[in-house]
Amino acid sequence: MIAFEVFAAKANDGRVSNAFLSVPVRCGLKGADTLTLRGLQLTAYRGRTVMALDFPALDEASGEALRHVAASQGRVAIGEFNAVGIVDAYMLRVEAID
């Protein structure tokens, strides 16, 4: 199970304008090219193959933030962190399928 957190930035009107995921360093997500959101569940893909990465379900606010990013930008920033800070950062395609 990969522990992660979604951080959402909001515009002046209160709507989500962007979001990024914080994940543990070397969790395996860097090998993915796409994250798919179905309901509140994320799945990582490499090509058309589901990766053996298990994510806990998102809460409603995080799910909405990722749906917004999927619809507006199609890519989400990923930050890999360890105890002293960020180690790596990259972008993944994100798709919402509901």
C-alpha atoms as a PDB file:
ATOM      1  CA  MET A   1       0.000   0.000   0.000  1.00  0.00           C
ATOM      2  CA  ILE A   2       1.443   3.356  -1.060  1.00  0.00           C
ATOM      3  CA  ALA A   3       0.717   6.143   1.375  1.00  0.00           C
ATOM      4  CA  PHE A   4       0.188   9.398  -0.501  1.00  0.00           C
ATOM      5  CA  GLU A   5      -1.348  12.812  -0.073  1.00  0.00           C
ATOM      6  CA  VAL A   6      -3.044  15.111  -2.556  1.00  0.00           C
ATOM      7  CA  PHE A   7      -2.290  18.813  -2.194  1.00  0.00           C
ATOM      8  CA  ALA A   8      -4.701  21.123  -3.990  1.00  0.00           C
ATOM      9  CA  ALA A   9      -4.198  24.798  -4.833  1.00  0.00           C
ATOM     10  CA  LYS A  10      -7.320  26.920  -4.993  1.00  0.00           C
ATOM     11  CA  ALA A  11      -8.048  30.010  -7.086  1.00  0.00           C
ATOM     12  CA  ASN A  12      -9.438  33.205  -5.559  1.00  0.00           C
ATOM     13  CA  ASP A  13     -12.998  31.985  -6.174  1.00  0.00           C
ATOM     14  CA  GLY A  14     -12.354  28.839  -4.088  1.00  0.00           C
ATOM     15  CA  ARG A  15     -12.256  26.346  -6.964  1.00  0.00           C
ATOM     16  CA  VAL A  16      -9.333  23.949  -7.351  1.00  0.00           C
ATOM     17  CA  SER A  17      -6.823  25.325  -9.840  1.00  0.00           C
ATOM     18  CA  ASN A  18      -4.128  22.660  -9.570  1.00  0.00           C
ATOM     19  CA  ALA A  19      -3.009  19.677  -7.486  1.00  0.00           C
ATOM     20  CA  PHE A  20      -0.014  17.448  -6.899  1.00  0.00           C
ATOM     21  CA  LEU A  21       0.607  14.090  -5.242  1.00  0.00           C
ATOM     22  CA  SER A  22       3.181  13.533  -2.522  1.00  0.00           C
ATOM     23  CA  VAL A  23       4.461   9.928  -2.414  1.00  0.00           C
ATOM     24  CA  PRO A  24       7.330   8.097  -0.656  1.00  0.00           C
ATOM     25  CA  VAL A  25      10.673   7.989  -2.449  1.00  0.00           C
ATOM     26  CA  ARG A  26      11.258   4.851  -4.569  1.00  0.00           C
ATOM     27  CA  CYS A  27       7.623   3.743  -4.253  1.00  0.00           C
ATOM     28  CA  GLY A  28       7.599   2.544  -7.879  1.00  0.00           C
ATOM     29  CA  LEU A  29       5.293   5.216  -9.257  1.00  0.00           C
ATOM     30  CA  LYS A  30       8.068   6.748 -11.358  1.00  0.00           C
ATOM     31  CA  GLY A  31       7.762   3.741 -13.696  1.00  0.00           C
ATOM     32  CA  ALA A  32       4.138   4.634 -14.486  1.00  0.00           C
ATOM     33  CA  ASP A  33       2.968   6.775 -17.376  1.00  0.00           C
ATOM     34  CA  THR A  34      -0.711   7.176 -16.404  1.00  0.00           C
ATOM     35  CA  LEU A  35      -2.853   7.363 -13.277  1.00  0.00           C
ATOM     36  CA  THR A  36      -6.510   6.463 -13.718  1.00  0.00           C
ATOM     37  CA  LEU A  37      -9.128   7.621 -11.237  1.00  0.00           C
ATOM     38  CA  ARG A  38     -12.315   5.519 -11.058  1.00  0.00           C
ATOM     39  CA  GLY A  39     -14.602   6.816  -8.372  1.00  0.00           C
ATOM     40  CA  LEU A  40     -12.190   7.352  -5.490  1.00  0.00           C
ATOM     41  CA  GLN A  41      -9.655   4.684  -6.481  1.00  0.00           C
ATOM     42  CA  LEU A  42      -6.362   5.340  -8.264  1.00  0.00           C
ATOM     43  CA  THR A  43      -4.669   2.809 -10.531  1.00  0.00           C
ATOM     44  CA  ALA A  44      -1.198   3.231 -12.052  1.00  0.00           C
ATOM     45  CA  TYR A  45      -0.448   2.039 -15.591  1.00  0.00           C
ATOM     46  CA  ARG A  46       2.690   1.518 -17.631  1.00  0.00           C
ATOM     47  CA  GLY A  47       1.495   1.392 -21.211  1.00  0.00           C
ATOM     48  CA  ARG A  48      -1.675  -0.673 -21.085  1.00  0.00           C
ATOM     49  CA  THR A  49      -0.492  -2.755 -18.149  1.00  0.00           C
ATOM     50  CA  VAL A  50      -1.760  -2.224 -14.599  1.00  0.00           C
ATOM     51  CA  MET A  51       1.166  -1.805 -12.231  1.00  0.00           C
ATOM     52  CA  ALA A  52       1.280  -3.754  -8.970  1.00  0.00           C
ATOM     53  CA  LEU A  53       0.920  -0.589  -6.863  1.00  0.00           C
ATOM     54  CA  ASP A  54      -1.870  -0.434  -4.313  1.00  0.00           C
ATOM     55  CA  PHE A  55      -3.333   2.950  -3.336  1.00  0.00           C
ATOM     56  CA  PRO A  56      -5.825   3.551  -0.521  1.00  0.00           C
ATOM     57  CA  ALA A  57      -9.095   5.178  -1.600  1.00  0.00           C
ATOM     58  CA  LEU A  58      -9.112   8.960  -1.909  1.00  0.00           C
ATOM     59  CA  ASP A  59     -11.356  11.165   0.161  1.00  0.00           C
ATOM     60  CA  GLU A  60     -14.009  13.198  -1.697  1.00  0.00           C
ATOM     61  CA  ALA A  61     -12.006  16.468  -1.731  1.00  0.00           C
ATOM     62  CA  SER A  62      -8.884  14.788  -3.112  1.00  0.00           C
ATOM     63  CA  GLY A  63     -10.929  12.925  -5.704  1.00  0.00           C
ATOM     64  CA  GLU A  64     -12.524  16.177  -6.865  1.00  0.00           C
ATOM     65  CA  ALA A  65      -9.107  17.869  -7.060  1.00  0.00           C
ATOM     66  CA  LEU A  66      -7.703  15.085  -9.243  1.00  0.00           C
ATOM     67  CA  ARG A  67     -10.835  15.029 -11.437  1.00  0.00           C
ATOM     68  CA  HIS A  68     -10.394  18.758 -12.010  1.00  0.00           C
ATOM     69  CA  VAL A  69      -6.723  18.331 -12.941  1.00  0.00           C
ATOM     70  CA  ALA A  70      -7.576  15.436 -15.267  1.00  0.00           C
ATOM     71  CA  ALA A  71     -10.220  17.515 -17.060  1.00  0.00           C
ATOM     72  CA  SER A  72      -8.298  20.788 -17.220  1.00  0.00           C
ATOM     73  CA  GLN A  73      -4.656  19.776 -17.641  1.00  0.00           C
ATOM     74  CA  GLY A  74      -4.476  16.032 -18.141  1.00  0.00           C
ATOM     75  CA  ARG A  75      -1.241  15.781 -16.150  1.00  0.00           C
ATOM     76  CA  VAL A  76      -0.479  15.806 -12.444  1.00  0.00           C
ATOM     77  CA  ALA A  77       2.786  16.619 -10.681  1.00  0.00           C
ATOM     78  CA  ILE A  78       4.254  13.916  -8.454  1.00  0.00           C
ATOM     79  CA  GLY A  79       6.745  14.663  -5.690  1.00  0.00           C
ATOM     80  CA  GLU A  80       8.718  11.813  -4.110  1.00  0.00           C
ATOM     81  CA  PHE A  81       9.657  12.675  -0.522  1.00  0.00           C
ATOM     82  CA  ASN A  82      11.750  11.169   2.241  1.00  0.00           C
ATOM     83  CA  ALA A  83      12.164  12.351   5.842  1.00  0.00           C
ATOM     84  CA  VAL A  84      14.331  15.345   4.907  1.00  0.00           C
ATOM     85  CA  GLY A  85      12.473  16.617   1.847  1.00  0.00           C
ATOM     86  CA  ILE A  86      11.787  16.155  -1.833  1.00  0.00           C
ATOM     87  CA  VAL A  87      14.014  13.695  -3.683  1.00  0.00           C
ATOM     88  CA  ASP A  88      12.420  13.578  -7.143  1.00  0.00           C
ATOM     89  CA  ALA A  89       9.580  15.183  -9.085  1.00  0.00           C
ATOM     90  CA  TYR A  90       7.884  14.293 -12.365  1.00  0.00           C
ATOM     91  CA  MET A  91       4.596  14.540 -14.240  1.00  0.00           C
ATOM     92  CA  LEU A  92       2.134  11.729 -15.017  1.00  0.00           C
ATOM     93  CA  ARG A  93      -0.903  11.721 -17.270  1.00  0.00           C
ATOM     94  CA  VAL A  94      -4.075  11.518 -15.183  1.00  0.00           C
ATOM     95  CA  GLU A  95      -7.462  10.331 -16.437  1.00  0.00           C
ATOM     96  CA  ALA A  96     -10.769  10.324 -14.608  1.00  0.00           C
ATOM     97  CA  ILE A  97     -13.143   7.535 -15.622  1.00  0.00           C
ATOM     98  CA  ASP A  98     -16.471   7.646 -13.848  1.00  0.00           C
END
